[in-house]
Amino acid sequence: MRLNKSERMIVLTIWFIILFTLPVLTDIYYATFYYAGVFLLIPITFYRIICADKFDKKFYQSWPQAREQGFWINVVREGLRTIIIITVVVTISQLLVNGRTPFDLVAGLSNGVLVLLLLLLLGFGLLGGIAAWHENDKRYYRIHYSLQTRQGDRDLSGY
């Protein structure tokens, strides 16, 4: 089920209200940076919703070329992207909420746990890459179908 723009904006507004009330419910180590990050996310996410058609058009033009590169190249690319996103989110959340730097996090782990976490991160990256391939394919064909439907409507209106 795909939400339209106004429904997405309502959902995002609810999420931002939750994000703003979260520090009231729990302690945040760097509350100023937390609020700054949330305020920074607001225009970015609403811009992304408002300009979704532009992003879809850009994706629609670039996906066939990316798809020609092959399954595994795209899985590795998207897997690395997934690994980076997971690492950044965990690092920033640990810093803002608990005040732990990335060095504190790594230093507090034994070698065995560190290796296990790296393998787990690689596994999530692989799963994220495979899921991204299939999601990109679905997105491409959804856009393609909507363009074909619009084209068909234009052809029918000429009669």
N, C-alpha and C. Protein backbone atom coordinates (compact mmCIF):
# COMPACT_ATOMS: atom_id res chain seq x y z
N MET A 1 0.84 -1.18 0.00
CA MET A 1 0.00 0.00 0.00
C MET A 1 0.88 1.24 0.00
N ARG A 2 0.66 2.08 -0.95
CA ARG A 2 1.45 3.30 -1.08
C ARG A 2 0.59 4.49 -0.66
N LEU A 3 1.14 5.30 0.25
CA LEU A 3 0.41 6.47 0.73
C LEU A 3 0.61 7.63 -0.23
N ASN A 4 -0.42 8.47 -0.36
CA ASN A 4 -0.26 9.65 -1.19
C ASN A 4 0.52 10.72 -0.41
N LYS A 5 0.79 11.84 -1.05
CA LYS A 5 1.64 12.86 -0.44
C LYS A 5 1.07 13.40 0.87
N SER A 6 -0.21 13.69 0.90
CA SER A 6 -0.79 14.26 2.12
C SER A 6 -0.77 13.25 3.25
N GLU A 7 -1.02 11.98 2.95
CA GLU A 7 -0.97 10.94 3.99
C GLU A 7 0.46 10.77 4.51
N ARG A 8 1.44 10.82 3.62
CA ARG A 8 2.85 10.73 4.05
C ARG A 8 3.23 11.91 4.93
N MET A 9 2.74 13.10 4.60
CA MET A 9 3.05 14.28 5.41
C MET A 9 2.42 14.17 6.80
N ILE A 10 1.21 13.62 6.88
CA ILE A 10 0.56 13.42 8.18
C ILE A 10 1.36 12.42 9.01
N VAL A 11 1.76 11.31 8.41
CA VAL A 11 2.54 10.31 9.12
C VAL A 11 3.87 10.91 9.59
N LEU A 12 4.54 11.66 8.73
CA LEU A 12 5.80 12.29 9.13
C LEU A 12 5.61 13.31 10.24
N THR A 13 4.53 14.05 10.21
CA THR A 13 4.26 15.02 11.27
C THR A 13 4.09 14.29 12.61
N ILE A 14 3.38 13.18 12.60
CA ILE A 14 3.22 12.38 13.82
C ILE A 14 4.57 11.88 14.31
N TRP A 15 5.42 11.39 13.38
CA TRP A 15 6.74 10.91 13.76
C TRP A 15 7.60 12.03 14.35
N PHE A 16 7.51 13.23 13.78
CA PHE A 16 8.29 14.34 14.31
C PHE A 16 7.79 14.76 15.68
N ILE A 17 6.49 14.69 15.91
CA ILE A 17 5.97 14.97 17.25
C ILE A 17 6.51 13.96 18.25
N ILE A 18 6.54 12.69 17.85
CA ILE A 18 7.12 11.65 18.71
C ILE A 18 8.60 11.93 18.97
N LEU A 19 9.34 12.29 17.92
CA LEU A 19 10.76 12.58 18.10
C LEU A 19 10.99 13.77 19.02
N PHE A 20 10.13 14.77 18.95
CA PHE A 20 10.29 15.94 19.82
C PHE A 20 9.92 15.63 21.28
N THR A 21 9.01 14.70 21.50
CA THR A 21 8.62 14.37 22.87
C THR A 21 9.50 13.28 23.48
N LEU A 22 10.28 12.60 22.68
CA LEU A 22 11.15 11.53 23.18
C LEU A 22 12.10 11.98 24.29
N PRO A 23 12.75 13.14 24.17
CA PRO A 23 13.64 13.57 25.26
C PRO A 23 12.92 13.84 26.58
N VAL A 24 11.62 14.08 26.53
CA VAL A 24 10.86 14.27 27.77
C VAL A 24 10.70 12.93 28.49
N LEU A 25 10.60 11.85 27.70
CA LEU A 25 10.37 10.53 28.27
C LEU A 25 11.65 9.84 28.71
N THR A 26 12.77 10.20 28.13
CA THR A 26 14.05 9.56 28.45
C THR A 26 15.16 10.60 28.44
N ASP A 27 16.27 10.25 29.07
CA ASP A 27 17.42 11.16 29.10
C ASP A 27 18.17 11.12 27.79
N ILE A 28 18.50 12.28 27.27
CA ILE A 28 19.31 12.42 26.06
C ILE A 28 20.59 13.12 26.48
N TYR A 29 21.73 12.52 26.16
CA TYR A 29 23.01 13.05 26.59
C TYR A 29 23.32 14.39 25.93
N TYR A 30 23.14 14.48 24.65
CA TYR A 30 23.36 15.72 23.90
C TYR A 30 22.03 16.19 23.31
N ALA A 31 21.16 16.72 24.15
CA ALA A 31 19.81 17.10 23.72
C ALA A 31 19.84 18.20 22.65
N THR A 32 20.79 19.13 22.76
CA THR A 32 20.87 20.22 21.78
C THR A 32 21.14 19.67 20.38
N PHE A 33 22.09 18.75 20.27
CA PHE A 33 22.39 18.15 18.98
C PHE A 33 21.24 17.27 18.49
N TYR A 34 20.58 16.63 19.42
CA TYR A 34 19.42 15.80 19.07
C TYR A 34 18.34 16.67 18.42
N TYR A 35 17.98 17.77 19.09
CA TYR A 35 16.96 18.66 18.53
C TYR A 35 17.42 19.28 17.22
N ALA A 36 18.68 19.62 17.12
CA ALA A 36 19.19 20.18 15.87
C ALA A 36 19.06 19.16 14.73
N GLY A 37 19.35 17.91 15.02
CA GLY A 37 19.21 16.86 14.01
C GLY A 37 17.76 16.67 13.58
N VAL A 38 16.84 16.69 14.55
CA VAL A 38 15.43 16.55 14.22
C VAL A 38 14.96 17.74 13.39
N PHE A 39 15.37 18.95 13.79
CA PHE A 39 15.00 20.14 13.01
C PHE A 39 15.59 20.09 11.60
N LEU A 40 16.77 19.52 11.46
CA LEU A 40 17.40 19.39 10.14
C LEU A 40 16.65 18.37 9.27
N LEU A 41 16.12 17.34 9.90
CA LEU A 41 15.39 16.31 9.15
C LEU A 41 14.06 16.80 8.60
N ILE A 42 13.45 17.75 9.26
CA ILE A 42 12.11 18.21 8.85
C ILE A 42 12.10 18.72 7.41
N PRO A 43 12.90 19.73 7.05
CA PRO A 43 12.82 20.20 5.66
C PRO A 43 13.30 19.15 4.65
N ILE A 44 14.26 18.32 5.05
CA ILE A 44 14.76 17.30 4.14
C ILE A 44 13.66 16.30 3.79
N THR A 45 12.96 15.81 4.80
CA THR A 45 11.93 14.81 4.53
C THR A 45 10.73 15.39 3.79
N PHE A 46 10.33 16.60 4.15
CA PHE A 46 9.20 17.19 3.43
C PHE A 46 9.58 17.54 1.99
N TYR A 47 10.81 17.95 1.76
CA TYR A 47 11.27 18.20 0.38
C TYR A 47 11.25 16.89 -0.41
N ARG A 48 11.67 15.81 0.23
CA ARG A 48 11.69 14.50 -0.43
C ARG A 48 10.28 14.07 -0.83
N ILE A 49 9.30 14.36 0.02
CA ILE A 49 7.92 14.01 -0.30
C ILE A 49 7.37 14.89 -1.41
N ILE A 50 7.62 16.19 -1.30
CA ILE A 50 7.09 17.13 -2.29
C ILE A 50 7.67 16.86 -3.68
N CYS A 51 8.95 16.54 -3.73
CA CYS A 51 9.63 16.33 -5.02
C CYS A 51 9.75 14.85 -5.37
N ALA A 52 8.86 14.02 -4.86
CA ALA A 52 8.94 12.58 -5.11
C ALA A 52 8.89 12.25 -6.59
N ASP A 53 8.10 13.01 -7.36
CA ASP A 53 8.00 12.74 -8.80
C ASP A 53 9.34 12.97 -9.50
N LYS A 54 10.06 14.00 -9.06
CA LYS A 54 11.37 14.28 -9.65
C LYS A 54 12.35 13.15 -9.32
N PHE A 55 12.31 12.66 -8.08
CA PHE A 55 13.19 11.55 -7.70
C PHE A 55 12.82 10.28 -8.45
N ASP A 56 11.51 10.05 -8.64
CA ASP A 56 11.07 8.88 -9.39
C ASP A 56 11.53 8.95 -10.84
N LYS A 57 11.45 10.13 -11.44
CA LYS A 57 11.87 10.30 -12.83
C LYS A 57 13.37 10.03 -12.96
N LYS A 58 14.16 10.57 -12.04
CA LYS A 58 15.61 10.35 -12.07
C LYS A 58 15.93 8.87 -11.89
N PHE A 59 15.24 8.22 -10.95
CA PHE A 59 15.45 6.80 -10.72
C PHE A 59 15.06 6.00 -11.96
N TYR A 60 13.91 6.34 -12.57
CA TYR A 60 13.41 5.61 -13.73
C TYR A 60 14.40 5.68 -14.89
N GLN A 61 15.10 6.80 -15.03
CA GLN A 61 16.08 6.93 -16.10
C GLN A 61 17.39 6.21 -15.79
N SER A 62 17.75 6.12 -14.52
CA SER A 62 19.05 5.54 -14.18
C SER A 62 19.01 4.04 -13.86
N TRP A 63 17.87 3.50 -13.47
CA TRP A 63 17.82 2.10 -13.07
C TRP A 63 18.16 1.12 -14.19
N PRO A 64 17.70 1.32 -15.44
CA PRO A 64 18.08 0.35 -16.48
C PRO A 64 19.60 0.23 -16.65
N GLN A 65 20.30 1.34 -16.55
CA GLN A 65 21.77 1.29 -16.67
C GLN A 65 22.37 0.57 -15.46
N ALA A 66 21.87 0.85 -14.27
CA ALA A 66 22.38 0.16 -13.09
C ALA A 66 22.06 -1.33 -13.15
N ARG A 67 20.90 -1.66 -13.68
CA ARG A 67 20.49 -3.06 -13.77
C ARG A 67 21.37 -3.83 -14.75
N GLU A 68 21.84 -3.17 -15.80
CA GLU A 68 22.73 -3.81 -16.76
C GLU A 68 24.06 -4.20 -16.14
N GLN A 69 24.46 -3.51 -15.08
CA GLN A 69 25.73 -3.83 -14.42
C GLN A 69 25.69 -5.18 -13.72
N GLY A 70 24.51 -5.69 -13.48
CA GLY A 70 24.38 -7.02 -12.91
C GLY A 70 23.89 -7.02 -11.48
N PHE A 71 23.41 -8.19 -11.09
CA PHE A 71 22.83 -8.38 -9.77
C PHE A 71 23.84 -8.14 -8.66
N TRP A 72 25.00 -8.79 -8.75
CA TRP A 72 25.95 -8.75 -7.63
C TRP A 72 26.60 -7.38 -7.46
N ILE A 73 26.85 -6.67 -8.54
CA ILE A 73 27.40 -5.31 -8.41
C ILE A 73 26.42 -4.43 -7.64
N ASN A 74 25.15 -4.54 -7.99
CA ASN A 74 24.13 -3.75 -7.31
C ASN A 74 23.93 -4.19 -5.87
N VAL A 75 24.01 -5.50 -5.61
CA VAL A 75 23.87 -6.01 -4.24
C VAL A 75 25.03 -5.49 -3.39
N VAL A 76 26.24 -5.52 -3.92
CA VAL A 76 27.40 -5.02 -3.16
C VAL A 76 27.25 -3.52 -2.91
N ARG A 77 26.86 -2.77 -3.94
CA ARG A 77 26.69 -1.32 -3.79
C ARG A 77 25.65 -0.99 -2.73
N GLU A 78 24.48 -1.62 -2.85
CA GLU A 78 23.41 -1.36 -1.88
C GLU A 78 23.72 -1.95 -0.51
N GLY A 79 24.45 -3.06 -0.50
CA GLY A 79 24.87 -3.65 0.77
C GLY A 79 25.81 -2.74 1.53
N LEU A 80 26.77 -2.15 0.83
CA LEU A 80 27.68 -1.19 1.46
C LEU A 80 26.91 0.03 1.97
N ARG A 81 25.95 0.45 1.18
CA ARG A 81 25.10 1.58 1.61
C ARG A 81 24.35 1.22 2.89
N THR A 82 23.82 0.00 2.95
CA THR A 82 23.11 -0.47 4.14
C THR A 82 24.04 -0.52 5.34
N ILE A 83 25.25 -1.03 5.15
CA ILE A 83 26.22 -1.11 6.24
C ILE A 83 26.56 0.28 6.76
N ILE A 84 26.77 1.21 5.85
CA ILE A 84 27.11 2.59 6.25
C ILE A 84 25.95 3.22 7.02
N ILE A 85 24.73 3.03 6.53
CA ILE A 85 23.56 3.61 7.21
C ILE A 85 23.40 3.02 8.61
N ILE A 86 23.51 1.70 8.74
CA ILE A 86 23.40 1.07 10.05
C ILE A 86 24.47 1.60 10.99
N THR A 87 25.71 1.67 10.51
CA THR A 87 26.81 2.13 11.35
C THR A 87 26.61 3.57 11.78
N VAL A 88 26.21 4.43 10.86
CA VAL A 88 26.01 5.85 11.19
C VAL A 88 24.87 6.02 12.18
N VAL A 89 23.75 5.31 11.96
CA VAL A 89 22.60 5.45 12.86
C VAL A 89 22.96 4.97 14.26
N VAL A 90 23.61 3.82 14.37
CA VAL A 90 23.99 3.30 15.69
C VAL A 90 24.99 4.23 16.36
N THR A 91 25.98 4.70 15.61
CA THR A 91 27.00 5.59 16.17
C THR A 91 26.39 6.90 16.66
N ILE A 92 25.55 7.51 15.83
CA ILE A 92 24.95 8.79 16.22
C ILE A 92 23.99 8.60 17.40
N SER A 93 23.20 7.53 17.36
CA SER A 93 22.27 7.32 18.47
C SER A 93 23.01 7.03 19.77
N GLN A 94 24.09 6.27 19.72
CA GLN A 94 24.86 6.02 20.94
C GLN A 94 25.52 7.29 21.45
N LEU A 95 25.98 8.13 20.54
CA LEU A 95 26.61 9.39 20.96
C LEU A 95 25.59 10.34 21.57
N LEU A 96 24.45 10.53 20.90
CA LEU A 96 23.46 11.48 21.39
C LEU A 96 22.73 10.99 22.64
N VAL A 97 22.38 9.73 22.68
CA VAL A 97 21.57 9.22 23.78
C VAL A 97 22.42 8.83 24.99
N ASN A 98 23.52 8.14 24.76
CA ASN A 98 24.33 7.63 25.87
C ASN A 98 25.66 8.35 26.05
N GLY A 99 26.03 9.22 25.12
CA GLY A 99 27.29 9.94 25.23
C GLY A 99 28.52 9.09 24.95
N ARG A 100 28.35 7.98 24.26
CA ARG A 100 29.48 7.09 23.93
C ARG A 100 30.00 7.39 22.54
N THR A 101 31.30 7.61 22.43
CA THR A 101 31.91 7.85 21.13
C THR A 101 32.12 6.51 20.43
N PRO A 102 32.37 6.54 19.12
CA PRO A 102 32.63 5.28 18.42
C PRO A 102 33.84 4.53 19.00
N PHE A 103 34.83 5.27 19.46
CA PHE A 103 36.01 4.62 20.05
C PHE A 103 35.64 3.93 21.36
N ASP A 104 34.77 4.55 22.16
CA ASP A 104 34.30 3.92 23.39
C ASP A 104 33.55 2.63 23.08
N LEU A 105 32.74 2.65 22.05
CA LEU A 105 31.97 1.47 21.68
C LEU A 105 32.88 0.31 21.28
N VAL A 106 33.84 0.59 20.41
CA VAL A 106 34.74 -0.47 19.92
C VAL A 106 35.66 -0.95 21.04
N ALA A 107 36.15 -0.03 21.87
CA ALA A 107 37.07 -0.41 22.95
C ALA A 107 36.37 -1.28 24.00
N GLY A 108 35.08 -1.14 24.16
CA GLY A 108 34.35 -1.91 25.16
C GLY A 108 34.00 -3.32 24.71
N LEU A 109 34.33 -3.68 23.48
CA LEU A 109 33.99 -4.99 22.95
C LEU A 109 35.21 -5.90 22.92
N SER A 110 35.00 -7.18 23.21
CA SER A 110 36.09 -8.15 23.06
C SER A 110 36.26 -8.44 21.57
N ASN A 111 37.39 -9.07 21.23
CA ASN A 111 37.65 -9.38 19.82
C ASN A 111 36.60 -10.31 19.24
N GLY A 112 36.16 -11.29 20.02
CA GLY A 112 35.15 -12.23 19.54
C GLY A 112 33.83 -11.54 19.26
N VAL A 113 33.41 -10.67 20.16
CA VAL A 113 32.16 -9.94 19.96
C VAL A 113 32.29 -8.99 18.78
N LEU A 114 33.44 -8.36 18.64
CA LEU A 114 33.66 -7.44 17.52
C LEU A 114 33.58 -8.18 16.18
N VAL A 115 34.19 -9.35 16.10
CA VAL A 115 34.12 -10.16 14.87
C VAL A 115 32.68 -10.59 14.61
N LEU A 116 31.98 -11.01 15.66
CA LEU A 116 30.59 -11.42 15.51
C LEU A 116 29.72 -10.25 15.01
N LEU A 117 29.94 -9.06 15.56
CA LEU A 117 29.18 -7.89 15.11
C LEU A 117 29.50 -7.53 13.66
N LEU A 118 30.77 -7.65 13.27
CA LEU A 118 31.14 -7.37 11.88
C LEU A 118 30.49 -8.37 10.93
N LEU A 119 30.48 -9.65 11.32
CA LEU A 119 29.81 -10.67 10.48
C LEU A 119 28.31 -10.41 10.41
N LEU A 120 27.72 -10.01 11.53
CA LEU A 120 26.30 -9.68 11.54
C LEU A 120 26.02 -8.47 10.66
N LEU A 121 26.89 -7.49 10.72
CA LEU A 121 26.75 -6.30 9.88
C LEU A 121 26.87 -6.66 8.40
N LEU A 122 27.82 -7.53 8.07
CA LEU A 122 27.95 -7.99 6.68
C LEU A 122 26.72 -8.76 6.24
N GLY A 123 26.16 -9.58 7.13
CA GLY A 123 24.94 -10.32 6.80
C GLY A 123 23.77 -9.38 6.54
N PHE A 124 23.61 -8.37 7.41
CA PHE A 124 22.55 -7.38 7.19
C PHE A 124 22.79 -6.60 5.90
N GLY A 125 24.06 -6.32 5.61
CA GLY A 125 24.39 -5.63 4.36
C GLY A 125 24.00 -6.47 3.15
N LEU A 126 24.29 -7.76 3.20
CA LEU A 126 23.92 -8.66 2.11
C LEU A 126 22.41 -8.72 1.95
N LEU A 127 21.70 -8.90 3.06
CA LEU A 127 20.23 -8.93 2.99
C LEU A 127 19.68 -7.60 2.50
N GLY A 128 20.26 -6.50 2.96
CA GLY A 128 19.82 -5.18 2.50
C GLY A 128 20.07 -4.98 1.02
N GLY A 129 21.20 -5.47 0.52
CA GLY A 129 21.51 -5.36 -0.90
C GLY A 129 20.55 -6.16 -1.77
N ILE A 130 20.25 -7.38 -1.33
CA ILE A 130 19.31 -8.22 -2.08
C ILE A 130 17.91 -7.60 -2.05
N ALA A 131 17.49 -7.13 -0.88
CA ALA A 131 16.17 -6.50 -0.77
C ALA A 131 16.11 -5.23 -1.63
N ALA A 132 17.19 -4.45 -1.64
CA ALA A 132 17.21 -3.22 -2.45
C ALA A 132 17.08 -3.54 -3.93
N TRP A 133 17.73 -4.60 -4.40
CA TRP A 133 17.61 -5.01 -5.80
C TRP A 133 16.15 -5.25 -6.16
N HIS A 134 15.48 -6.04 -5.33
CA HIS A 134 14.08 -6.37 -5.63
C HIS A 134 13.18 -5.14 -5.47
N GLU A 135 13.43 -4.32 -4.49
CA GLU A 135 12.63 -3.11 -4.30
C GLU A 135 12.84 -2.13 -5.46
N ASN A 136 14.07 -2.00 -5.92
CA ASN A 136 14.33 -1.12 -7.07
C ASN A 136 13.63 -1.63 -8.32
N ASP A 137 13.63 -2.94 -8.51
CA ASP A 137 12.91 -3.51 -9.65
C ASP A 137 11.41 -3.22 -9.54
N LYS A 138 10.85 -3.44 -8.35
CA LYS A 138 9.42 -3.15 -8.16
C LYS A 138 9.13 -1.68 -8.39
N ARG A 139 9.99 -0.81 -7.90
CA ARG A 139 9.79 0.64 -8.07
C ARG A 139 9.84 1.01 -9.55
N TYR A 140 10.82 0.45 -10.26
CA TYR A 140 10.94 0.73 -11.69
C TYR A 140 9.67 0.34 -12.43
N TYR A 141 9.19 -0.88 -12.18
CA TYR A 141 8.02 -1.35 -12.91
C TYR A 141 6.75 -0.62 -12.47
N ARG A 142 6.68 -0.19 -11.22
CA ARG A 142 5.54 0.62 -10.76
C ARG A 142 5.52 1.96 -11.51
N ILE A 143 6.68 2.60 -11.62
CA ILE A 143 6.77 3.87 -12.35
C ILE A 143 6.47 3.64 -13.83
N HIS A 144 7.04 2.58 -14.37
CA HIS A 144 6.82 2.25 -15.79
C HIS A 144 5.33 2.03 -16.05
N TYR A 145 4.67 1.28 -15.19
CA TYR A 145 3.24 1.01 -15.36
C TYR A 145 2.43 2.31 -15.26
N SER A 146 2.78 3.18 -14.30
CA SER A 146 2.02 4.43 -14.16
C SER A 146 2.23 5.32 -15.38
N LEU A 147 3.43 5.31 -15.95
CA LEU A 147 3.67 6.10 -17.16
C LEU A 147 2.90 5.52 -18.34
N GLN A 148 2.84 4.20 -18.45
CA GLN A 148 2.09 3.56 -19.53
C GLN A 148 0.60 3.85 -19.38
N THR A 149 0.11 3.84 -18.15
CA THR A 149 -1.31 4.12 -17.91
C THR A 149 -1.62 5.56 -18.30
N ARG A 150 -0.74 6.49 -17.91
CA ARG A 150 -0.95 7.90 -18.29
C ARG A 150 -0.92 8.06 -19.80
N GLN A 151 0.01 7.37 -20.45
CA GLN A 151 0.12 7.44 -21.91
C GLN A 151 -1.14 6.88 -22.55
N GLY A 152 -1.65 5.78 -22.00
CA GLY A 152 -2.88 5.20 -22.53
C GLY A 152 -4.07 6.12 -22.35
N ASP A 153 -4.13 6.82 -21.21
CA ASP A 153 -5.20 7.78 -20.98
C ASP A 153 -5.13 8.92 -21.99
N ARG A 154 -3.92 9.36 -22.32
CA ARG A 154 -3.77 10.43 -23.31
C ARG A 154 -4.19 9.95 -24.69
N ASP A 155 -3.86 8.68 -24.99
CA ASP A 155 -4.26 8.15 -26.30
C ASP A 155 -5.77 8.05 -26.41
N LEU A 156 -6.43 7.65 -25.33
CA LEU A 156 -7.88 7.49 -25.34
C LEU A 156 -8.58 8.85 -25.39
N SER A 157 -7.97 9.87 -24.81
CA SER A 157 -8.63 11.18 -24.79
C SER A 157 -8.64 11.82 -26.17
N GLY A 158 -7.83 11.31 -27.10
CA GLY A 158 -7.78 11.87 -28.44
C GLY A 158 -8.97 11.47 -29.29
N TYR A 159 -9.74 10.47 -28.86
CA TYR A 159 -10.88 9.99 -29.67
C TYR A 159 -12.07 10.86 -29.51
